Amino acid sequence: HAGIPHGGFVIHSGKTGWNEENTHVIEYSLKLDS
């Protein structure tokens, strides 16, 4: 366990359209060696 890796994700899903017929997913991620 000498290393200190980390990372993660922020994911947002939302709707648009008068009937909320369209779904959008925004994802931001990090993968960190240190």
Full PDB file with SEQRES, HELIX, SHEET, SSBOND, CRYST1, ORIGX, SCALE, CONECT and MASTER records, all heavy atoms in Angstrom:
SEQRES   1 A   34  HIS ALA GLY ILE PRO HIS GLY GLY PHE VAL ILE HIS SER          
SEQRES   2 A   34  GLY LYS THR GLY TRP ASN GLU GLU ASN THR HIS VAL ILE          
SEQRES   3 A   34  GLU TYR SER LEU LYS LEU ASP SER                              
SHEET    1 AA1 2 HIS A   6  THR A  16  0                                        
SHEET    2 AA1 2 ASN A  22  LEU A  32 -1                                        
CRYST1    1.000    1.000    1.000  90.00  90.00  90.00 P 1           1          
ORIGX1      1.000000  0.000000  0.000000        0.00000                         
ORIGX2      0.000000  1.000000  0.000000        0.00000                         
ORIGX3      0.000000  0.000000  1.000000        0.00000                         
SCALE1      1.000000  0.000000  0.000000        0.00000                         
SCALE2      0.000000  1.000000  0.000000        0.00000                         
SCALE3      0.000000  0.000000  1.000000        0.00000                         
ATOM      1  N   HIS A   1       0.829  -1.215   0.000  1.00  0.00           N  
ATOM      2  CA  HIS A   1       0.000   0.000   0.000  1.00  0.00           C  
ATOM      3  C   HIS A   1       0.861   1.262   0.000  1.00  0.00           C  
ATOM      4  O   HIS A   1       0.504   2.276   0.612  1.00  0.00           O  
ATOM      5  CB  HIS A   1      -0.941  -0.006   1.211  1.00  0.00           C  
ATOM      6  CG  HIS A   1      -1.765  -1.243   1.322  1.00  0.00           C  
ATOM      7  ND1 HIS A   1      -2.887  -1.478   0.553  1.00  0.00           N  
ATOM      8  CD2 HIS A   1      -1.598  -2.357   2.097  1.00  0.00           C  
ATOM      9  CE1 HIS A   1      -3.399  -2.663   0.869  1.00  0.00           C  
ATOM     10  NE2 HIS A   1      -2.631  -3.211   1.795  1.00  0.00           N  
ATOM     11  N   ALA A   2       1.995   1.210  -0.693  1.00  0.00           N  
ATOM     12  CA  ALA A   2       2.912   2.349  -0.708  1.00  0.00           C  
ATOM     13  C   ALA A   2       2.397   3.494  -1.580  1.00  0.00           C  
ATOM     14  O   ALA A   2       2.665   4.662  -1.313  1.00  0.00           O  
ATOM     15  CB  ALA A   2       4.293   1.909  -1.187  1.00  0.00           C  
ATOM     16  N   GLY A   3       1.689   3.192  -2.645  1.00  0.00           N  
ATOM     17  CA  GLY A   3       1.198   4.229  -3.551  1.00  0.00           C  
ATOM     18  C   GLY A   3      -0.005   4.959  -2.984  1.00  0.00           C  
ATOM     19  O   GLY A   3      -0.624   4.527  -2.011  1.00  0.00           O  
ATOM     20  N   ILE A   4      -0.333   6.092  -3.601  1.00  0.00           N  
ATOM     21  CA  ILE A   4      -1.503   6.866  -3.164  1.00  0.00           C  
ATOM     22  C   ILE A   4      -2.364   7.206  -4.393  1.00  0.00           C  
ATOM     23  O   ILE A   4      -2.542   8.376  -4.746  1.00  0.00           O  
ATOM     24  CB  ILE A   4      -1.079   8.140  -2.405  1.00  0.00           C  
ATOM     25  CG1 ILE A   4       0.039   7.842  -1.406  1.00  0.00           C  
ATOM     26  CG2 ILE A   4      -2.278   8.734  -1.658  1.00  0.00           C  
ATOM     27  CD1 ILE A   4       0.511   9.037  -0.627  1.00  0.00           C  
ATOM     28  N   PRO A   5      -2.886   6.185  -5.073  1.00  0.00           N  
ATOM     29  CA  PRO A   5      -3.746   6.452  -6.230  1.00  0.00           C  
ATOM     30  C   PRO A   5      -5.139   6.889  -5.787  1.00  0.00           C  
ATOM     31  O   PRO A   5      -5.543   6.653  -4.652  1.00  0.00           O  
ATOM     32  CB  PRO A   5      -3.806   5.092  -6.924  1.00  0.00           C  
ATOM     33  CG  PRO A   5      -3.735   4.120  -5.780  1.00  0.00           C  
ATOM     34  CD  PRO A   5      -2.770   4.749  -4.789  1.00  0.00           C  
ATOM     35  N   HIS A   6      -5.849   7.541  -6.670  1.00  0.00           N  
ATOM     36  CA  HIS A   6      -7.253   7.868  -6.393  1.00  0.00           C  
ATOM     37  C   HIS A   6      -7.921   8.286  -7.697  1.00  0.00           C  
ATOM     38  O   HIS A   6      -7.349   8.174  -8.775  1.00  0.00           O  
ATOM     39  CB  HIS A   6      -7.384   8.950  -5.333  1.00  0.00           C  
ATOM     40  CG  HIS A   6      -8.561   8.739  -4.414  1.00  0.00           C  
ATOM     41  ND1 HIS A   6      -9.756   8.208  -4.843  1.00  0.00           N  
ATOM     42  CD2 HIS A   6      -8.716   8.990  -3.087  1.00  0.00           C  
ATOM     43  CE1 HIS A   6     -10.599   8.131  -3.823  1.00  0.00           C  
ATOM     44  NE2 HIS A   6      -9.987   8.593  -2.748  1.00  0.00           N  
ATOM     45  N   GLY A   7      -9.125   8.790  -7.572  1.00  0.00           N  
ATOM     46  CA  GLY A   7      -9.879   9.217  -8.738  1.00  0.00           C  
ATOM     47  C   GLY A   7     -11.354   9.193  -8.430  1.00  0.00           C  
ATOM     48  O   GLY A   7     -11.769   9.066  -7.273  1.00  0.00           O  
ATOM     49  N   GLY A   8     -12.160   9.283  -9.481  1.00  0.00           N  
ATOM     50  CA  GLY A   8     -13.598   9.234  -9.264  1.00  0.00           C  
ATOM     51  C   GLY A   8     -14.363   9.827 -10.425  1.00  0.00           C  
ATOM     52  O   GLY A   8     -13.797  10.136 -11.484  1.00  0.00           O  
ATOM     53  N   PHE A   9     -15.666   9.985 -10.193  1.00  0.00           N  
ATOM     54  CA  PHE A   9     -16.581  10.389 -11.247  1.00  0.00           C  
ATOM     55  C   PHE A   9     -17.622  11.355 -10.688  1.00  0.00           C  
ATOM     56  O   PHE A   9     -18.107  11.173  -9.573  1.00  0.00           O  
ATOM     57  CB  PHE A   9     -17.339   9.179 -11.808  1.00  0.00           C  
ATOM     58  CG  PHE A   9     -16.463   7.997 -12.152  1.00  0.00           C  
ATOM     59  CD1 PHE A   9     -16.098   7.077 -11.169  1.00  0.00           C  
ATOM     60  CD2 PHE A   9     -16.005   7.813 -13.446  1.00  0.00           C  
ATOM     61  CE1 PHE A   9     -15.298   5.989 -11.478  1.00  0.00           C  
ATOM     62  CE2 PHE A   9     -15.206   6.714 -13.756  1.00  0.00           C  
ATOM     63  CZ  PHE A   9     -14.848   5.815 -12.769  1.00  0.00           C  
ATOM     64  N   VAL A  10     -17.947  12.375 -11.467  1.00  0.00           N  
ATOM     65  CA  VAL A  10     -19.145  13.181 -11.238  1.00  0.00           C  
ATOM     66  C   VAL A  10     -20.040  12.942 -12.436  1.00  0.00           C  
ATOM     67  O   VAL A  10     -19.645  13.174 -13.586  1.00  0.00           O  
ATOM     68  CB  VAL A  10     -18.826  14.683 -11.116  1.00  0.00           C  
ATOM     69  CG1 VAL A  10     -20.122  15.491 -11.043  1.00  0.00           C  
ATOM     70  CG2 VAL A  10     -17.986  14.951  -9.883  1.00  0.00           C  
ATOM     71  N   ILE A  11     -21.228  12.438 -12.179  1.00  0.00           N  
ATOM     72  CA  ILE A  11     -22.168  12.103 -13.254  1.00  0.00           C  
ATOM     73  C   ILE A  11     -23.479  12.835 -12.987  1.00  0.00           C  
ATOM     74  O   ILE A  11     -24.032  12.761 -11.889  1.00  0.00           O  
ATOM     75  CB  ILE A  11     -22.415  10.581 -13.319  1.00  0.00           C  
ATOM     76  CG1 ILE A  11     -21.085   9.829 -13.470  1.00  0.00           C  
ATOM     77  CG2 ILE A  11     -23.357  10.236 -14.475  1.00  0.00           C  
ATOM     78  CD1 ILE A  11     -21.205   8.325 -13.335  1.00  0.00           C  
ATOM     79  N   HIS A  12     -23.963  13.534 -13.996  1.00  0.00           N  
ATOM     80  CA  HIS A  12     -25.229  14.264 -13.887  1.00  0.00           C  
ATOM     81  C   HIS A  12     -26.121  13.846 -15.051  1.00  0.00           C  
ATOM     82  O   HIS A  12     -25.703  13.889 -16.211  1.00  0.00           O  
ATOM     83  CB  HIS A  12     -24.991  15.776 -13.942  1.00  0.00           C  
ATOM     84  CG  HIS A  12     -26.235  16.591 -13.744  1.00  0.00           C  
ATOM     85  ND1 HIS A  12     -26.597  17.112 -12.520  1.00  0.00           N  
ATOM     86  CD2 HIS A  12     -27.206  16.972 -14.613  1.00  0.00           C  
ATOM     87  CE1 HIS A  12     -27.723  17.786 -12.653  1.00  0.00           C  
ATOM     88  NE2 HIS A  12     -28.108  17.714 -13.917  1.00  0.00           N  
ATOM     89  N   SER A  13     -27.316  13.424 -14.728  1.00  0.00           N  
ATOM     90  CA  SER A  13     -28.286  13.107 -15.788  1.00  0.00           C  
ATOM     91  C   SER A  13     -29.476  14.046 -15.642  1.00  0.00           C  
ATOM     92  O   SER A  13     -29.927  14.323 -14.531  1.00  0.00           O  
ATOM     93  CB  SER A  13     -28.747  11.651 -15.702  1.00  0.00           C  
ATOM     94  OG  SER A  13     -29.380  11.383 -14.469  1.00  0.00           O  
ATOM     95  N   GLY A  14     -29.933  14.563 -16.779  1.00  0.00           N  
ATOM     96  CA  GLY A  14     -31.041  15.504 -16.750  1.00  0.00           C  
ATOM     97  C   GLY A  14     -31.919  15.367 -17.982  1.00  0.00           C  
ATOM     98  O   GLY A  14     -31.534  14.754 -18.980  1.00  0.00           O  
ATOM     99  N   LYS A  15     -33.069  15.961 -17.899  1.00  0.00           N  
ATOM    100  CA  LYS A  15     -34.069  15.870 -18.968  1.00  0.00           C  
ATOM    101  C   LYS A  15     -34.252  17.227 -19.654  1.00  0.00           C  
ATOM    102  O   LYS A  15     -34.133  18.279 -19.021  1.00  0.00           O  
ATOM    103  CB  LYS A  15     -35.412  15.430 -18.398  1.00  0.00           C  
ATOM    104  CG  LYS A  15     -35.409  14.099 -17.659  1.00  0.00           C  
ATOM    105  CD  LYS A  15     -35.389  12.936 -18.617  1.00  0.00           C  
ATOM    106  CE  LYS A  15     -35.579  11.620 -17.870  1.00  0.00           C  
ATOM    107  NZ  LYS A  15     -35.578  10.455 -18.790  1.00  0.00           N  
ATOM    108  N   THR A  16     -34.557  17.180 -20.956  1.00  0.00           N  
ATOM    109  CA  THR A  16     -35.039  18.352 -21.678  1.00  0.00           C  
ATOM    110  C   THR A  16     -36.213  17.928 -22.543  1.00  0.00           C  
ATOM    111  O   THR A  16     -36.456  16.740 -22.744  1.00  0.00           O  
ATOM    112  CB  THR A  16     -33.950  18.973 -22.579  1.00  0.00           C  
ATOM    113  OG1 THR A  16     -33.541  18.004 -23.551  1.00  0.00           O  
ATOM    114  CG2 THR A  16     -32.752  19.437 -21.765  1.00  0.00           C  
ATOM    115  N   GLY A  17     -36.892  18.922 -23.080  1.00  0.00           N  
ATOM    116  CA  GLY A  17     -38.080  18.647 -23.898  1.00  0.00           C  
ATOM    117  C   GLY A  17     -39.347  18.856 -23.085  1.00  0.00           C  
ATOM    118  O   GLY A  17     -39.370  18.603 -21.873  1.00  0.00           O  
ATOM    119  N   TRP A  18     -40.418  19.339 -23.753  1.00  0.00           N  
ATOM    120  CA  TRP A  18     -41.663  19.657 -23.051  1.00  0.00           C  
ATOM    121  C   TRP A  18     -42.244  18.429 -22.354  1.00  0.00           C  
ATOM    122  O   TRP A  18     -42.919  18.548 -21.339  1.00  0.00           O  
ATOM    123  CB  TRP A  18     -42.683  20.255 -24.019  1.00  0.00           C  
ATOM    124  CG  TRP A  18     -42.244  21.593 -24.559  1.00  0.00           C  
ATOM    125  CD1 TRP A  18     -41.857  21.882 -25.827  1.00  0.00           C  
ATOM    126  CD2 TRP A  18     -42.116  22.802 -23.807  1.00  0.00           C  
ATOM    127  NE1 TRP A  18     -41.496  23.209 -25.929  1.00  0.00           N  
ATOM    128  CE2 TRP A  18     -41.652  23.800 -24.708  1.00  0.00           C  
ATOM    129  CE3 TRP A  18     -42.356  23.161 -22.482  1.00  0.00           C  
ATOM    130  CZ2 TRP A  18     -41.423  25.111 -24.312  1.00  0.00           C  
ATOM    131  CZ3 TRP A  18     -42.127  24.462 -22.084  1.00  0.00           C  
ATOM    132  CH2 TRP A  18     -41.664  25.426 -23.002  1.00  0.00           C  
ATOM    133  N   ASN A  19     -41.985  17.280 -22.909  1.00  0.00           N  
ATOM    134  CA  ASN A  19     -42.460  16.045 -22.283  1.00  0.00           C  
ATOM    135  C   ASN A  19     -41.324  15.268 -21.619  1.00  0.00           C  
ATOM    136  O   ASN A  19     -41.466  14.072 -21.339  1.00  0.00           O  
ATOM    137  CB  ASN A  19     -43.144  15.161 -23.338  1.00  0.00           C  
ATOM    138  CG  ASN A  19     -44.364  15.819 -23.933  1.00  0.00           C  
ATOM    139  OD1 ASN A  19     -45.203  16.357 -23.210  1.00  0.00           O  
ATOM    140  ND2 ASN A  19     -44.457  15.813 -25.262  1.00  0.00           N  
ATOM    141  N   GLU A  20     -40.206  15.955 -21.419  1.00  0.00           N  
ATOM    142  CA  GLU A  20     -39.019  15.335 -20.808  1.00  0.00           C  
ATOM    143  C   GLU A  20     -38.617  14.061 -21.542  1.00  0.00           C  
ATOM    144  O   GLU A  20     -38.244  13.061 -20.935  1.00  0.00           O  
ATOM    145  CB  GLU A  20     -39.258  15.047 -19.320  1.00  0.00           C  
ATOM    146  CG  GLU A  20     -39.501  16.299 -18.495  1.00  0.00           C  
ATOM    147  CD  GLU A  20     -39.548  16.020 -17.008  1.00  0.00           C  
ATOM    148  OE1 GLU A  20     -39.730  14.842 -16.635  1.00  0.00           O  
ATOM    149  OE2 GLU A  20     -39.397  16.971 -16.225  1.00  0.00           O  
ATOM    150  N   GLU A  21     -38.682  14.135 -22.871  1.00  0.00           N  
ATOM    151  CA  GLU A  21     -38.425  12.940 -23.674  1.00  0.00           C  
ATOM    152  C   GLU A  21     -36.945  12.700 -23.948  1.00  0.00           C  
ATOM    153  O   GLU A  21     -36.555  11.614 -24.384  1.00  0.00           O  
ATOM    154  CB  GLU A  21     -39.181  13.024 -25.009  1.00  0.00           C  
ATOM    155  CG  GLU A  21     -38.723  14.137 -25.952  1.00  0.00           C  
ATOM    156  CD  GLU A  21     -39.463  15.441 -25.752  1.00  0.00           C  
ATOM    157  OE1 GLU A  21     -39.966  15.673 -24.622  1.00  0.00           O  
ATOM    158  OE2 GLU A  21     -39.537  16.237 -26.704  1.00  0.00           O  
ATOM    159  N   ASN A  22     -36.108  13.698 -23.677  1.00  0.00           N  
ATOM    160  CA  ASN A  22     -34.686  13.563 -23.976  1.00  0.00           C  
ATOM    161  C   ASN A  22     -33.847  13.544 -22.697  1.00  0.00           C  
ATOM    162  O   ASN A  22     -33.961  14.432 -21.851  1.00  0.00           O  
ATOM    163  CB  ASN A  22     -34.218  14.710 -24.878  1.00  0.00           C  
ATOM    164  CG  ASN A  22     -34.907  14.679 -26.233  1.00  0.00           C  
ATOM    165  OD1 ASN A  22     -34.966  13.636 -26.867  1.00  0.00           O  
ATOM    166  ND2 ASN A  22     -35.446  15.815 -26.658  1.00  0.00           N  
ATOM    167  N   THR A  23     -33.004  12.534 -22.609  1.00  0.00           N  
ATOM    168  CA  THR A  23     -32.130  12.375 -21.437  1.00  0.00           C  
ATOM    169  C   THR A  23     -30.697  12.693 -21.832  1.00  0.00           C  
ATOM    170  O   THR A  23     -30.226  12.277 -22.884  1.00  0.00           O  
ATOM    171  CB  THR A  23     -32.198  10.932 -20.888  1.00  0.00           C  
ATOM    172  OG1 THR A  23     -33.543  10.643 -20.488  1.00  0.00           O  
ATOM    173  CG2 THR A  23     -31.266  10.758 -19.695  1.00  0.00           C  
ATOM    174  N   HIS A  24     -29.997  13.430 -20.980  1.00  0.00           N  
ATOM    175  CA  HIS A  24     -28.604  13.788 -21.224  1.00  0.00           C  
ATOM    176  C   HIS A  24     -27.776  13.381 -20.008  1.00  0.00           C  
ATOM    177  O   HIS A  24     -28.200  13.580 -18.871  1.00  0.00           O  
ATOM    178  CB  HIS A  24     -28.468  15.294 -21.453  1.00  0.00           C  
ATOM    179  CG  HIS A  24     -29.452  15.845 -22.431  1.00  0.00           C  
ATOM    180  ND1 HIS A  24     -29.276  15.790 -23.787  1.00  0.00           N  
ATOM    181  CD2 HIS A  24     -30.671  16.434 -22.230  1.00  0.00           C  
ATOM    182  CE1 HIS A  24     -30.318  16.338 -24.399  1.00  0.00           C  
ATOM    183  NE2 HIS A  24     -31.173  16.737 -23.468  1.00  0.00           N  
ATOM    184  N   VAL A  25     -26.611  12.832 -20.262  1.00  0.00           N  
ATOM    185  CA  VAL A  25     -25.723  12.413 -19.180  1.00  0.00           C  
ATOM    186  C   VAL A  25     -24.379  13.113 -19.347  1.00  0.00           C  
ATOM    187  O   VAL A  25     -23.749  13.033 -20.404  1.00  0.00           O  
ATOM    188  CB  VAL A  25     -25.515  10.883 -19.165  1.00  0.00           C  
ATOM    189  CG1 VAL A  25     -24.544  10.488 -18.050  1.00  0.00           C  
ATOM    190  CG2 VAL A  25     -26.845  10.158 -18.988  1.00  0.00           C  
ATOM    191  N   ILE A  26     -23.971  13.843 -18.327  1.00  0.00           N  
ATOM    192  CA  ILE A  26     -22.667  14.514 -18.300  1.00  0.00           C  
ATOM    193  C   ILE A  26     -21.786  13.750 -17.324  1.00  0.00           C  
ATOM    194  O   ILE A  26     -22.184  13.508 -16.179  1.00  0.00           O  
ATOM    195  CB  ILE A  26     -22.803  15.971 -17.829  1.00  0.00           C  
ATOM    196  CG1 ILE A  26     -23.752  16.759 -18.744  1.00  0.00           C  
ATOM    197  CG2 ILE A  26     -21.438  16.654 -17.773  1.00  0.00           C  
ATOM    198  CD1 ILE A  26     -24.103  18.140 -18.201  1.00  0.00           C  
ATOM    199  N   GLU A  27     -20.591  13.354 -17.765  1.00  0.00           N  
ATOM    200  CA  GLU A  27     -19.693  12.620 -16.880  1.00  0.00           C  
ATOM    201  C   GLU A  27     -18.292  13.241 -16.920  1.00  0.00           C  
ATOM    202  O   GLU A  27     -17.742  13.498 -17.985  1.00  0.00           O  
ATOM    203  CB  GLU A  27     -19.611  11.145 -17.265  1.00  0.00           C  
ATOM    204  CG  GLU A  27     -18.670  10.347 -16.356  1.00  0.00           C  
ATOM    205  CD  GLU A  27     -18.762   8.845 -16.566  1.00  0.00           C  
ATOM    206  OE1 GLU A  27     -19.757   8.374 -17.168  1.00  0.00           O  
ATOM    207  OE2 GLU A  27     -17.835   8.133 -16.126  1.00  0.00           O  
ATOM    208  N   TYR A  28     -17.760  13.472 -15.733  1.00  0.00           N  
ATOM    209  CA  TYR A  28     -16.395  13.978 -15.582  1.00  0.00           C  
ATOM    210  C   TYR A  28     -15.657  12.991 -14.694  1.00  0.00           C  
ATOM    211  O   TYR A  28     -16.175  12.581 -13.658  1.00  0.00           O  
ATOM    212  CB  TYR A  28     -16.418  15.362 -14.927  1.00  0.00           C  
ATOM    213  CG  TYR A  28     -15.062  15.955 -14.638  1.00  0.00           C  
ATOM    214  CD1 TYR A  28     -14.330  16.592 -15.637  1.00  0.00           C  
ATOM    215  CD2 TYR A  28     -14.517  15.902 -13.367  1.00  0.00           C  
ATOM    216  CE1 TYR A  28     -13.086  17.152 -15.370  1.00  0.00           C  
ATOM    217  CE2 TYR A  28     -13.277  16.459 -13.088  1.00  0.00           C  
ATOM    218  CZ  TYR A  28     -12.567  17.078 -14.098  1.00  0.00           C  
ATOM    219  OH  TYR A  28     -11.331  17.630 -13.824  1.00  0.00           O  
ATOM    220  N   SER A  29     -14.477  12.585 -15.126  1.00  0.00           N  
ATOM    221  CA  SER A  29     -13.764  11.577 -14.339  1.00  0.00           C  
ATOM    222  C   SER A  29     -12.287  11.926 -14.211  1.00  0.00           C  
ATOM    223  O   SER A  29     -11.722  12.650 -15.027  1.00  0.00           O  
ATOM    224  CB  SER A  29     -13.912  10.186 -14.981  1.00  0.00           C  
ATOM    225  OG  SER A  29     -13.217  10.118 -16.218  1.00  0.00           O  
ATOM    226  N   LEU A  30     -11.693  11.393 -13.148  1.00  0.00           N  
ATOM    227  CA  LEU A  30     -10.262  11.524 -12.907  1.00  0.00           C  
ATOM    228  C   LEU A  30      -9.695  10.162 -12.538  1.00  0.00           C  
ATOM    229  O   LEU A  30     -10.310   9.402 -11.798  1.00  0.00           O  
ATOM    230  CB  LEU A  30      -9.993  12.492 -11.741  1.00  0.00           C  
ATOM    231  CG  LEU A  30     -10.296  13.972 -11.954  1.00  0.00           C  
ATOM    232  CD1 LEU A  30     -10.146  14.717 -10.638  1.00  0.00           C  
ATOM    233  CD2 LEU A  30      -9.387  14.563 -13.009  1.00  0.00           C  
ATOM    234  N   LYS A  31      -8.511   9.863 -13.042  1.00  0.00           N  
ATOM    235  CA  LYS A  31      -7.775   8.663 -12.660  1.00  0.00           C  
ATOM    236  C   LYS A  31      -6.366   9.113 -12.313  1.00  0.00           C  
ATOM    237  O   LYS A  31      -5.602   9.527 -13.188  1.00  0.00           O  
ATOM    238  CB  LYS A  31      -7.751   7.642 -13.802  1.00  0.00           C  
ATOM    239  CG  LYS A  31      -7.082   6.326 -13.409  1.00  0.00           C  
ATOM    240  CD  LYS A  31      -7.140   5.320 -14.543  1.00  0.00           C  
ATOM    241  CE  LYS A  31      -6.476   4.010 -14.141  1.00  0.00           C  
ATOM    242  NZ  LYS A  31      -6.493   3.019 -15.261  1.00  0.00           N  
ATOM    243  N   LEU A  32      -6.031   9.031 -11.044  1.00  0.00           N  
ATOM    244  CA  LEU A  32      -4.814   9.665 -10.539  1.00  0.00           C  
ATOM    245  C   LEU A  32      -3.842   8.630  -9.987  1.00  0.00           C  
ATOM    246  O   LEU A  32      -4.186   7.858  -9.092  1.00  0.00           O  
ATOM    247  CB  LEU A  32      -5.171  10.654  -9.427  1.00  0.00           C  
ATOM    248  CG  LEU A  32      -6.358  11.602  -9.707  1.00  0.00           C  
ATOM    249  CD1 LEU A  32      -6.671  12.428  -8.468  1.00  0.00           C  
ATOM    250  CD2 LEU A  32      -6.047  12.495 -10.900  1.00  0.00           C  
ATOM    251  N   ASP A  33      -2.610   8.645 -10.496  1.00  0.00           N  
ATOM    252  CA  ASP A  33      -1.568   7.791  -9.927  1.00  0.00           C  
ATOM    253  C   ASP A  33      -1.167   8.263  -8.542  1.00  0.00           C  
ATOM    254  O   ASP A  33      -0.806   7.466  -7.679  1.00  0.00           O  
ATOM    255  CB  ASP A  33      -0.331   7.780 -10.829  1.00  0.00           C  
ATOM    256  CG  ASP A  33      -0.443   6.787 -11.973  1.00  0.00           C  
ATOM    257  OD1 ASP A  33      -1.410   5.996 -11.983  1.00  0.00           O  
ATOM    258  OD2 ASP A  33       0.431   6.810 -12.860  1.00  0.00           O  
ATOM    259  N   SER A  34      -1.197   9.580  -8.329  1.00  0.00           N  
ATOM    260  CA  SER A  34      -0.806  10.136  -7.032  1.00  0.00           C  
ATOM    261  C   SER A  34      -1.817  11.196  -6.616  1.00  0.00           C  
ATOM    262  O   SER A  34      -1.830  12.299  -7.159  1.00  0.00           O  
ATOM    263  CB  SER A  34       0.598  10.748  -7.095  1.00  0.00           C  
ATOM    264  OG  SER A  34       0.879  11.462  -5.900  1.00  0.00           O  
TER     265      SER A  34                                                      
MASTER        0    0    0    0    2    0    0    6  264    1    0    3          
END                                                                             
